């Protein structure tokens, strides 16, 4: 699969593919450099971890 950055004027591309010899392995290749600010995803690792800690204190 091929993906392109949606920021106007950005030419960064990403390719995601599975290895034919081992379909459990995924290879991700990036081409280019983002020349703009990148927004943080809403569900970043810290927020997920903090939710797990709240529910983990039983």
C-alpha atoms as a PDB file:
ATOM      1  CA  UNK A   1       0.000   0.000   0.000  1.00  0.00           C
ATOM      2  CA  UNK A   2       1.144   3.529  -0.760  1.00  0.00           C
ATOM      3  CA  UNK A   3       0.292   6.607   1.308  1.00  0.00           C
ATOM      4  CA  UNK A   4       0.959  10.299   0.767  1.00  0.00           C
ATOM      5  CA  UNK A   5       1.067  13.100   3.330  1.00  0.00           C
ATOM      6  CA  UNK A   6      -2.149  15.117   3.131  1.00  0.00           C
ATOM      7  CA  UNK A   7      -0.511  18.442   4.044  1.00  0.00           C
ATOM      8  CA  UNK A   8      -0.716  20.838   1.082  1.00  0.00           C
ATOM      9  CA  UNK A   9       2.559  20.861  -0.839  1.00  0.00           C
ATOM     10  CA  UNK A  10       4.167  18.012   1.121  1.00  0.00           C
ATOM     11  CA  UNK A  11       5.598  15.233  -1.037  1.00  0.00           C
ATOM     12  CA  UNK A  12       6.373  12.676   1.686  1.00  0.00           C
ATOM     13  CA  UNK A  13       5.319   9.155   0.747  1.00  0.00           C
ATOM     14  CA  UNK A  14       5.083   5.925   2.730  1.00  0.00           C
ATOM     15  CA  UNK A  15       4.968   2.380   1.393  1.00  0.00           C
ATOM     16  CA  UNK A  16       3.785  -0.515   3.559  1.00  0.00           C
ATOM     17  CA  UNK A  17       4.234  -4.085   2.358  1.00  0.00           C
ATOM     18  CA  UNK A  18       4.440  -7.606   3.756  1.00  0.00           C
ATOM     19  CA  UNK A  19       7.427  -9.809   3.044  1.00  0.00           C
ATOM     20  CA  UNK A  20       6.580 -12.613   0.634  1.00  0.00           C
ATOM     21  CA  UNK A  21       8.739 -15.079   2.601  1.00  0.00           C
ATOM     22  CA  UNK A  22       7.203 -14.193   5.981  1.00  0.00           C
ATOM     23  CA  UNK A  23       3.814 -12.467   5.889  1.00  0.00           C
ATOM     24  CA  UNK A  24       4.108 -11.742   9.609  1.00  0.00           C
ATOM     25  CA  UNK A  25       6.757  -9.123   8.808  1.00  0.00           C
ATOM     26  CA  UNK A  26       5.692  -5.692   7.578  1.00  0.00           C
ATOM     27  CA  UNK A  27       8.218  -3.376   5.917  1.00  0.00           C
ATOM     28  CA  UNK A  28       7.499   0.367   5.992  1.00  0.00           C
ATOM     29  CA  UNK A  29       9.529   2.657   3.734  1.00  0.00           C
ATOM     30  CA  UNK A  30       9.413   6.462   3.901  1.00  0.00           C
ATOM     31  CA  UNK A  31      10.489   8.781   1.098  1.00  0.00           C
ATOM     32  CA  UNK A  32      11.048  12.474   1.761  1.00  0.00           C
ATOM     33  CA  UNK A  33      11.109  14.807   4.750  1.00  0.00           C
ATOM     34  CA  UNK A  34       8.152  16.675   6.232  1.00  0.00           C
ATOM     35  CA  UNK A  35       8.881  20.411   6.050  1.00  0.00           C
ATOM     36  CA  UNK A  36       5.847  21.329   8.171  1.00  0.00           C
ATOM     37  CA  UNK A  37       4.595  20.759  11.698  1.00  0.00           C
ATOM     38  CA  UNK A  38       3.114  17.330  12.281  1.00  0.00           C
ATOM     39  CA  UNK A  39       0.009  17.100  14.452  1.00  0.00           C
ATOM     40  CA  UNK A  40       0.034  14.635  17.310  1.00  0.00           C
ATOM     41  CA  UNK A  41      -2.506  11.840  16.992  1.00  0.00           C
ATOM     42  CA  UNK A  42      -5.419  12.126  19.410  1.00  0.00           C
ATOM     43  CA  UNK A  43      -4.831   8.723  20.969  1.00  0.00           C
ATOM     44  CA  UNK A  44      -1.130   9.011  21.626  1.00  0.00           C
ATOM     45  CA  UNK A  45       0.761   6.497  23.719  1.00  0.00           C
ATOM     46  CA  UNK A  46       0.801   8.650  26.873  1.00  0.00           C
ATOM     47  CA  UNK A  47      -2.991   9.020  26.974  1.00  0.00           C
ATOM     48  CA  UNK A  48      -3.494   5.300  26.372  1.00  0.00           C
ATOM     49  CA  UNK A  49      -0.967   4.463  29.085  1.00  0.00           C
ATOM     50  CA  UNK A  50      -2.613   6.840  31.573  1.00  0.00           C
ATOM     51  CA  UNK A  51      -6.006   5.226  30.913  1.00  0.00           C
ATOM     52  CA  UNK A  52      -4.489   1.796  31.495  1.00  0.00           C
ATOM     53  CA  UNK A  53      -3.004   2.955  34.795  1.00  0.00           C
ATOM     54  CA  UNK A  54      -6.396   4.235  35.958  1.00  0.00           C
ATOM     55  CA  UNK A  55      -8.031   0.880  35.251  1.00  0.00           C
ATOM     56  CA  UNK A  56      -5.045  -1.118  36.509  1.00  0.00           C
ATOM     57  CA  UNK A  57      -5.409  -0.149  40.193  1.00  0.00           C
ATOM     58  CA  UNK A  58      -7.949  -2.782  41.247  1.00  0.00           C
END
